[in-house]
Amino acid sequence: MAENIVWHEHKITRAERAANKNQKPCLLWFTGLSGSGKSTIANALDVALHQRGYHTFLLDGDNVRHGLCKDLGFSDEDRVENIRRIGEVSKLFTDAGLIVLSAFISPFTSDRRMVRNLFPAGEFIEVFMDTPLETCEARDPKGLYEKARQGEIKHFTGIDSPYEAPEHPEVRLDTSSMTVDECVAALIAFMASRGLIAD
């Protein structure tokens, strides 16, 4: 970092911005294999929170790669940088008082820990989409597993690139046995139990 860069304190605090919205800021970090239900559940939760009057923003892996991270590939190094950028953007959104939902494979424990460390205790909620590989591959909504199996896609998580499952996520969901509504209800209940939203 250049020596002539100085941090400027804002007149309005993150707590004041959140209080204005009558909510507590937090980041729900959806992680799991491709096809595990990250985007589906994050979108459904986003709708449910919006309908309850909460101020949210959803960051989705594919969408972010169209803009903020369009210069990155899928090597291990690029994946780390992708998650670093998303973590920083998520922090900016929570500083604005929002409830942020981020849906990214984020296969490496160290990267998820890096993002967690950006947030005050209790504001980073790791949501592990613990859906079996067999189910994800059977769904294959984008045809990516088939291409990876045929060698057309390299560094594909779950096939020729590892996924390090969270050991102690705040929430664990399995969309092979839970409906979308059940997943959303579990997340709403968790957030309410932590005082992040009202019952």
C-alpha atoms as a PDB file:
ATOM      1  CA  MET A   1       0.000   0.000   0.000  1.00  0.00           C
ATOM      2  CA  ALA A   2       1.272   3.479  -0.871  1.00  0.00           C
ATOM      3  CA  GLU A   3       2.440   5.609   2.047  1.00  0.00           C
ATOM      4  CA  ASN A   4       0.303   8.604   1.024  1.00  0.00           C
ATOM      5  CA  ILE A   5      -3.012   6.773   1.628  1.00  0.00           C
ATOM      6  CA  VAL A   6      -4.831   7.893   4.779  1.00  0.00           C
ATOM      7  CA  TRP A   7      -7.969   6.397   6.357  1.00  0.00           C
ATOM      8  CA  HIS A   8     -10.772   8.969   6.678  1.00  0.00           C
ATOM      9  CA  GLU A   9     -13.269   8.543   9.503  1.00  0.00           C
ATOM     10  CA  HIS A  10     -16.924   9.034   8.539  1.00  0.00           C
ATOM     11  CA  LYS A  11     -19.282  11.307  10.448  1.00  0.00           C
ATOM     12  CA  ILE A  12     -22.034   8.657  10.422  1.00  0.00           C
ATOM     13  CA  THR A  13     -21.193   5.299  11.985  1.00  0.00           C
ATOM     14  CA  ARG A  14     -22.205   1.867  10.700  1.00  0.00           C
ATOM     15  CA  ALA A  15     -24.351   1.480  13.833  1.00  0.00           C
ATOM     16  CA  GLU A  16     -26.233   4.671  13.006  1.00  0.00           C
ATOM     17  CA  ARG A  17     -26.775   3.527   9.421  1.00  0.00           C
ATOM     18  CA  ALA A  18     -28.126   0.181  10.626  1.00  0.00           C
ATOM     19  CA  ALA A  19     -30.360   1.824  13.253  1.00  0.00           C
ATOM     20  CA  ASN A  20     -31.868   3.992  10.511  1.00  0.00           C
ATOM     21  CA  LYS A  21     -32.920   0.762   8.792  1.00  0.00           C
ATOM     22  CA  ASN A  22     -34.115  -0.867  12.038  1.00  0.00           C
ATOM     23  CA  GLN A  23     -31.906  -3.914  11.525  1.00  0.00           C
ATOM     24  CA  LYS A  24     -28.506  -5.313  12.410  1.00  0.00           C
ATOM     25  CA  PRO A  25     -25.976  -5.668   9.584  1.00  0.00           C
ATOM     26  CA  CYS A  26     -24.517  -9.080   8.873  1.00  0.00           C
ATOM     27  CA  LEU A  27     -23.139 -11.272   6.116  1.00  0.00           C
ATOM     28  CA  LEU A  28     -24.643 -14.655   5.308  1.00  0.00           C
ATOM     29  CA  TRP A  29     -21.924 -16.486   3.411  1.00  0.00           C
ATOM     30  CA  PHE A  30     -23.364 -19.360   1.366  1.00  0.00           C
ATOM     31  CA  THR A  31     -20.684 -21.906   0.488  1.00  0.00           C
ATOM     32  CA  GLY A  32     -20.934 -25.279  -1.212  1.00  0.00           C
ATOM     33  CA  LEU A  33     -20.440 -27.185  -4.428  1.00  0.00           C
ATOM     34  CA  SER A  34     -21.817 -26.054  -7.763  1.00  0.00           C
ATOM     35  CA  GLY A  35     -25.450 -27.152  -7.851  1.00  0.00           C
ATOM     36  CA  SER A  36     -25.777 -27.388  -4.055  1.00  0.00           C
ATOM     37  CA  GLY A  37     -28.432 -24.668  -3.942  1.00  0.00           C
ATOM     38  CA  LYS A  38     -26.423 -21.606  -2.905  1.00  0.00           C
ATOM     39  CA  SER A  39     -27.971 -19.148  -5.366  1.00  0.00           C
ATOM     40  CA  THR A  40     -31.444 -20.655  -5.108  1.00  0.00           C
ATOM     41  CA  ILE A  41     -31.593 -20.451  -1.321  1.00  0.00           C
ATOM     42  CA  ALA A  42     -29.840 -17.078  -1.138  1.00  0.00           C
ATOM     43  CA  ASN A  43     -32.358 -15.637  -3.629  1.00  0.00           C
ATOM     44  CA  ALA A  44     -35.295 -17.122  -1.740  1.00  0.00           C
ATOM     45  CA  LEU A  45     -34.011 -15.724   1.557  1.00  0.00           C
ATOM     46  CA  ASP A  46     -33.430 -12.344  -0.099  1.00  0.00           C
ATOM     47  CA  VAL A  47     -37.081 -12.275  -1.184  1.00  0.00           C
ATOM     48  CA  ALA A  48     -38.299 -13.383   2.254  1.00  0.00           C
ATOM     49  CA  LEU A  49     -36.284 -10.694   4.038  1.00  0.00           C
ATOM     50  CA  HIS A  50     -37.342  -8.019   1.545  1.00  0.00           C
ATOM     51  CA  GLN A  51     -41.003  -8.935   2.075  1.00  0.00           C
ATOM     52  CA  ARG A  52     -40.463  -8.457   5.817  1.00  0.00           C
ATOM     53  CA  GLY A  53     -39.122  -4.959   5.179  1.00  0.00           C
ATOM     54  CA  TYR A  54     -35.393  -5.609   5.635  1.00  0.00           C
ATOM     55  CA  HIS A  55     -32.704  -3.924   3.571  1.00  0.00           C
ATOM     56  CA  THR A  56     -30.579  -6.554   1.832  1.00  0.00           C
ATOM     57  CA  PHE A  57     -28.166  -7.051  -1.029  1.00  0.00           C
ATOM     58  CA  LEU A  58     -27.301 -10.313  -2.775  1.00  0.00           C
ATOM     59  CA  LEU A  59     -23.866 -10.966  -4.269  1.00  0.00           C
ATOM     60  CA  ASP A  60     -23.803 -13.981  -6.583  1.00  0.00           C
ATOM     61  CA  GLY A  61     -20.690 -15.699  -7.891  1.00  0.00           C
ATOM     62  CA  ASP A  62     -21.587 -15.662 -11.582  1.00  0.00           C
ATOM     63  CA  ASN A  63     -22.900 -12.096 -11.517  1.00  0.00           C
ATOM     64  CA  VAL A  64     -19.801 -10.696  -9.821  1.00  0.00           C
ATOM     65  CA  ARG A  65     -17.589 -12.316 -12.465  1.00  0.00           C
ATOM     66  CA  HIS A  66     -19.359 -10.205 -15.090  1.00  0.00           C
ATOM     67  CA  GLY A  67     -17.975  -7.016 -13.557  1.00  0.00           C
ATOM     68  CA  LEU A  68     -15.897  -6.685 -10.384  1.00  0.00           C
ATOM     69  CA  CYS A  69     -14.020  -9.941 -10.980  1.00  0.00           C
ATOM     70  CA  LYS A  70     -14.229 -10.349 -14.754  1.00  0.00           C
ATOM     71  CA  ASP A  71     -10.434 -10.256 -14.972  1.00  0.00           C
ATOM     72  CA  LEU A  72     -10.093 -13.405 -12.849  1.00  0.00           C
ATOM     73  CA  GLY A  73      -9.989 -17.048 -13.919  1.00  0.00           C
ATOM     74  CA  PHE A  74     -10.391 -20.183 -11.820  1.00  0.00           C
ATOM     75  CA  SER A  75      -6.849 -20.954 -10.746  1.00  0.00           C
ATOM     76  CA  ASP A  76      -6.302 -21.270  -6.995  1.00  0.00           C
ATOM     77  CA  GLU A  77      -4.699 -17.821  -6.950  1.00  0.00           C
ATOM     78  CA  ASP A  78      -7.580 -16.205  -8.833  1.00  0.00           C
ATOM     79  CA  ARG A  79     -10.132 -17.893  -6.582  1.00  0.00           C
ATOM     80  CA  VAL A  80      -8.387 -16.436  -3.517  1.00  0.00           C
ATOM     81  CA  GLU A  81      -8.442 -12.948  -5.060  1.00  0.00           C
ATOM     82  CA  ASN A  82     -12.090 -13.384  -6.066  1.00  0.00           C
ATOM     83  CA  ILE A  83     -13.077 -14.157  -2.478  1.00  0.00           C
ATOM     84  CA  ARG A  84     -10.883 -11.367  -1.094  1.00  0.00           C
ATOM     85  CA  ARG A  85     -12.671  -8.819  -3.290  1.00  0.00           C
ATOM     86  CA  ILE A  86     -16.091 -10.175  -2.378  1.00  0.00           C
ATOM     87  CA  GLY A  87     -15.214 -10.054   1.313  1.00  0.00           C
ATOM     88  CA  GLU A  88     -14.193  -6.409   1.062  1.00  0.00           C
ATOM     89  CA  VAL A  89     -17.315  -5.471  -0.908  1.00  0.00           C
ATOM     90  CA  SER A  90     -19.491  -7.362   1.573  1.00  0.00           C
ATOM     91  CA  LYS A  91     -17.905  -5.416   4.408  1.00  0.00           C
ATOM     92  CA  LEU A  92     -18.672  -2.122   2.657  1.00  0.00           C
ATOM     93  CA  PHE A  93     -22.314  -3.163   2.311  1.00  0.00           C
ATOM     94  CA  THR A  94     -22.583  -4.135   5.979  1.00  0.00           C
ATOM     95  CA  ASP A  95     -20.918  -0.845   6.906  1.00  0.00           C
ATOM     96  CA  ALA A  96     -23.864   0.740   5.073  1.00  0.00           C
ATOM     97  CA  GLY A  97     -26.174  -1.155   7.440  1.00  0.00           C
ATOM     98  CA  LEU A  98     -27.316  -3.877   5.046  1.00  0.00           C
ATOM     99  CA  ILE A  99     -27.927  -7.582   5.473  1.00  0.00           C
ATOM    100  CA  VAL A 100     -25.682  -9.107   2.806  1.00  0.00           C
ATOM    101  CA  LEU A 101     -26.087 -12.514   1.201  1.00  0.00           C
ATOM    102  CA  SER A 102     -23.094 -13.883  -0.713  1.00  0.00           C
ATOM    103  CA  ALA A 103     -23.349 -17.073  -2.769  1.00  0.00           C
ATOM    104  CA  PHE A 104     -19.919 -18.380  -3.764  1.00  0.00           C
ATOM    105  CA  ILE A 105     -18.397 -21.845  -3.911  1.00  0.00           C
ATOM    106  CA  SER A 106     -15.461 -20.470  -1.876  1.00  0.00           C
ATOM    107  CA  PRO A 107     -13.823 -23.899  -1.602  1.00  0.00           C
ATOM    108  CA  PHE A 108     -10.925 -23.031   0.699  1.00  0.00           C
ATOM    109  CA  THR A 109     -11.200 -22.798   4.487  1.00  0.00           C
ATOM    110  CA  SER A 110      -8.472 -20.159   4.643  1.00  0.00           C
ATOM    111  CA  ASP A 111     -10.391 -17.850   2.290  1.00  0.00           C
ATOM    112  CA  ARG A 112     -13.610 -18.134   4.264  1.00  0.00           C
ATOM    113  CA  ARG A 113     -11.641 -17.453   7.458  1.00  0.00           C
ATOM    114  CA  MET A 114     -10.090 -14.393   5.795  1.00  0.00           C
ATOM    115  CA  VAL A 115     -13.558 -12.981   5.128  1.00  0.00           C
ATOM    116  CA  ARG A 116     -14.838 -13.907   8.600  1.00  0.00           C
ATOM    117  CA  ASN A 117     -11.947 -11.952  10.123  1.00  0.00           C
ATOM    118  CA  LEU A 118     -13.134  -8.775   8.384  1.00  0.00           C
ATOM    119  CA  PHE A 119     -16.294  -8.748  10.496  1.00  0.00           C
ATOM    120  CA  PRO A 120     -17.121  -8.154  14.148  1.00  0.00           C
ATOM    121  CA  ALA A 121     -18.013 -11.269  16.118  1.00  0.00           C
ATOM    122  CA  GLY A 122     -21.458 -12.578  15.237  1.00  0.00           C
ATOM    123  CA  GLU A 123     -21.803 -10.731  11.934  1.00  0.00           C
ATOM    124  CA  PHE A 124     -20.348 -13.450   9.675  1.00  0.00           C
ATOM    125  CA  ILE A 125     -22.746 -16.357   9.272  1.00  0.00           C
ATOM    126  CA  GLU A 126     -21.334 -19.304   7.363  1.00  0.00           C
ATOM    127  CA  VAL A 127     -24.126 -21.214   5.608  1.00  0.00           C
ATOM    128  CA  PHE A 128     -22.803 -24.549   4.397  1.00  0.00           C
ATOM    129  CA  MET A 129     -24.889 -26.031   1.599  1.00  0.00           C
ATOM    130  CA  ASP A 130     -24.085 -29.581   2.617  1.00  0.00           C
ATOM    131  CA  THR A 131     -25.630 -31.198  -0.454  1.00  0.00           C
ATOM    132  CA  PRO A 132     -23.923 -34.440  -1.586  1.00  0.00           C
ATOM    133  CA  LEU A 133     -21.745 -34.319  -4.693  1.00  0.00           C
ATOM    134  CA  GLU A 134     -23.915 -37.017  -6.284  1.00  0.00           C
ATOM    135  CA  THR A 135     -26.990 -34.778  -5.998  1.00  0.00           C
ATOM    136  CA  CYS A 136     -25.147 -31.714  -7.287  1.00  0.00           C
ATOM    137  CA  GLU A 137     -23.766 -33.645 -10.226  1.00  0.00           C
ATOM    138  CA  ALA A 138     -27.164 -35.183 -11.028  1.00  0.00           C
ATOM    139  CA  ARG A 139     -28.669 -31.699 -11.141  1.00  0.00           C
ATOM    140  CA  ASP A 140     -25.805 -30.158 -13.133  1.00  0.00           C
ATOM    141  CA  PRO A 141     -27.938 -27.103 -14.046  1.00  0.00           C
ATOM    142  CA  LYS A 142     -25.198 -25.562 -16.200  1.00  0.00           C
ATOM    143  CA  GLY A 143     -23.757 -28.784 -17.607  1.00  0.00           C
ATOM    144  CA  LEU A 144     -20.462 -28.037 -15.872  1.00  0.00           C
ATOM    145  CA  TYR A 145     -19.913 -31.382 -14.162  1.00  0.00           C
ATOM    146  CA  GLU A 146     -20.277 -33.203 -17.461  1.00  0.00           C
ATOM    147  CA  LYS A 147     -17.714 -30.900 -19.077  1.00  0.00           C
ATOM    148  CA  ALA A 148     -15.375 -31.298 -16.107  1.00  0.00           C
ATOM    149  CA  ARG A 149     -15.647 -35.091 -16.268  1.00  0.00           C
ATOM    150  CA  GLN A 150     -14.765 -34.919 -19.959  1.00  0.00           C
ATOM    151  CA  GLY A 151     -11.752 -32.723 -19.233  1.00  0.00           C
ATOM    152  CA  GLU A 152     -13.227 -29.665 -20.949  1.00  0.00           C
ATOM    153  CA  ILE A 153     -13.131 -27.640 -17.726  1.00  0.00           C
ATOM    154  CA  LYS A 154     -10.041 -27.679 -15.540  1.00  0.00           C
ATOM    155  CA  HIS A 155      -9.841 -26.828 -11.806  1.00  0.00           C
ATOM    156  CA  PHE A 156     -13.508 -27.683 -11.249  1.00  0.00           C
ATOM    157  CA  THR A 157     -14.414 -27.898  -7.566  1.00  0.00           C
ATOM    158  CA  GLY A 158     -15.413 -31.378  -6.495  1.00  0.00           C
ATOM    159  CA  ILE A 159     -13.892 -33.043  -9.564  1.00  0.00           C
ATOM    160  CA  ASP A 160     -10.230 -32.071 -10.024  1.00  0.00           C
ATOM    161  CA  SER A 161     -10.058 -29.238  -7.480  1.00  0.00           C
ATOM    162  CA  PRO A 162     -10.789 -29.772  -3.776  1.00  0.00           C
ATOM    163  CA  TYR A 163     -13.645 -28.419  -1.696  1.00  0.00           C
ATOM    164  CA  GLU A 164     -12.776 -27.986   1.980  1.00  0.00           C
ATOM    165  CA  ALA A 165     -16.071 -28.387   3.817  1.00  0.00           C
ATOM    166  CA  PRO A 166     -16.668 -26.120   6.828  1.00  0.00           C
ATOM    167  CA  GLU A 167     -16.208 -27.945  10.119  1.00  0.00           C
ATOM    168  CA  HIS A 168     -18.303 -25.598  12.256  1.00  0.00           C
ATOM    169  CA  PRO A 169     -20.678 -23.566  10.081  1.00  0.00           C
ATOM    170  CA  GLU A 170     -23.332 -21.495  11.792  1.00  0.00           C
ATOM    171  CA  VAL A 171     -25.982 -23.115   9.570  1.00  0.00           C
ATOM    172  CA  ARG A 172     -25.886 -26.393   7.637  1.00  0.00           C
ATOM    173  CA  LEU A 173     -28.471 -27.078   4.893  1.00  0.00           C
ATOM    174  CA  ASP A 174     -28.901 -30.070   2.584  1.00  0.00           C
ATOM    175  CA  THR A 175     -31.128 -29.358  -0.402  1.00  0.00           C
ATOM    176  CA  SER A 176     -31.258 -33.056  -1.248  1.00  0.00           C
ATOM    177  CA  SER A 177     -33.538 -33.533   1.770  1.00  0.00           C
ATOM    178  CA  MET A 178     -34.853 -30.006   2.499  1.00  0.00           C
ATOM    179  CA  THR A 179     -37.206 -27.899   0.401  1.00  0.00           C
ATOM    180  CA  VAL A 180     -36.472 -24.273  -0.441  1.00  0.00           C
ATOM    181  CA  ASP A 181     -39.124 -23.158   2.056  1.00  0.00           C
ATOM    182  CA  GLU A 182     -37.609 -25.330   4.793  1.00  0.00           C
ATOM    183  CA  CYS A 183     -34.152 -23.884   4.144  1.00  0.00           C
ATOM    184  CA  VAL A 184     -35.456 -20.314   4.255  1.00  0.00           C
ATOM    185  CA  ALA A 185     -37.404 -21.015   7.446  1.00  0.00           C
ATOM    186  CA  ALA A 186     -34.274 -22.426   9.082  1.00  0.00           C
ATOM    187  CA  LEU A 187     -32.270 -19.336   8.138  1.00  0.00           C
ATOM    188  CA  ILE A 188     -34.973 -16.922   9.300  1.00  0.00           C
ATOM    189  CA  ALA A 189     -35.181 -18.792  12.614  1.00  0.00           C
ATOM    190  CA  PHE A 190     -31.411 -18.668  13.040  1.00  0.00           C
ATOM    191  CA  MET A 191     -31.240 -14.940  12.308  1.00  0.00           C
ATOM    192  CA  ALA A 192     -34.064 -14.253  14.740  1.00  0.00           C
ATOM    193  CA  SER A 193     -32.360 -16.354  17.431  1.00  0.00           C
ATOM    194  CA  ARG A 194     -29.248 -14.227  17.056  1.00  0.00           C
ATOM    195  CA  GLY A 195     -31.213 -10.986  17.260  1.00  0.00           C
ATOM    196  CA  LEU A 196     -30.267 -10.007  13.701  1.00  0.00           C
ATOM    197  CA  ILE A 197     -33.915  -9.696  12.717  1.00  0.00           C
ATOM    198  CA  ALA A 198     -37.185  -9.637  14.677  1.00  0.00           C
ATOM    199  CA  ASP A 199     -39.225 -12.825  14.994  1.00  0.00           C
END
